[in-house]
């Protein structure tokens, strides 16, 4: 079982001769509660704000230890955010994850950036659901599909990211905007933060597509598509 056709092709190239079943990256939404999410909202944001969010296990600058890891370095995002905020004065950026000390010092006086710190995975959807746009500023395709993308789509968050294989679900769903370079990333984020009707349109596409990524639904697909007819040893 693989999460994308690209992954299946790579296994074939490596010599695997067994057939593959493609079942997408799943997302666990069992901890998401509309009631809890709504209760969190007043302390997270005002209704006048528009909120973009990025989350990772670690959030680092190049001055932080480990900051050269492209999975966790947010220097490019911070640089792009300065123009985004200039063009959208009511915009706020949430960064969720363990923050390096140099990152904390860099953004300490920037009131448009909130460091929400580490949030347990089961509680994370309740926070993400209160944002308006999900950002994916990574420039590498390190996995066939990104869990972050699946979470955003399932919660109805439009995604802005670079046009890479890892964001195939954004392309397939139409639930976001994929870009070629930093200039397009800034412009797309500004457009989504400013255009409520466009956000609503992409959000509806994202939520419709993301509904199929819930693990409860995918478990049925594993049963019917991947393991049907196979002997199960207990």
Foldseek 3Di string as FASTA:
>chain_A
DAADPVVQVVVVVVPDDDDDDHDHAFAAQVLDDPVLLVVCQVVPDDPQAAEEEEEDQEAEDPPFVVCVPLRHYCPLVVVLVVVLCVLVVRYAYEYEHAYGPVVCVVCVPPPRYDYPYYDDRSNVLSPLLSHQAYEDEGDDQPGQEDNVLLSCLQSLHAYEYAPDNRNVVCVVQVLYDHDHDSVVSSVRVSCSSVDVVVSNVSSVSSNVSSVCRHVVNSVVCCDPPPCPPPDDDD
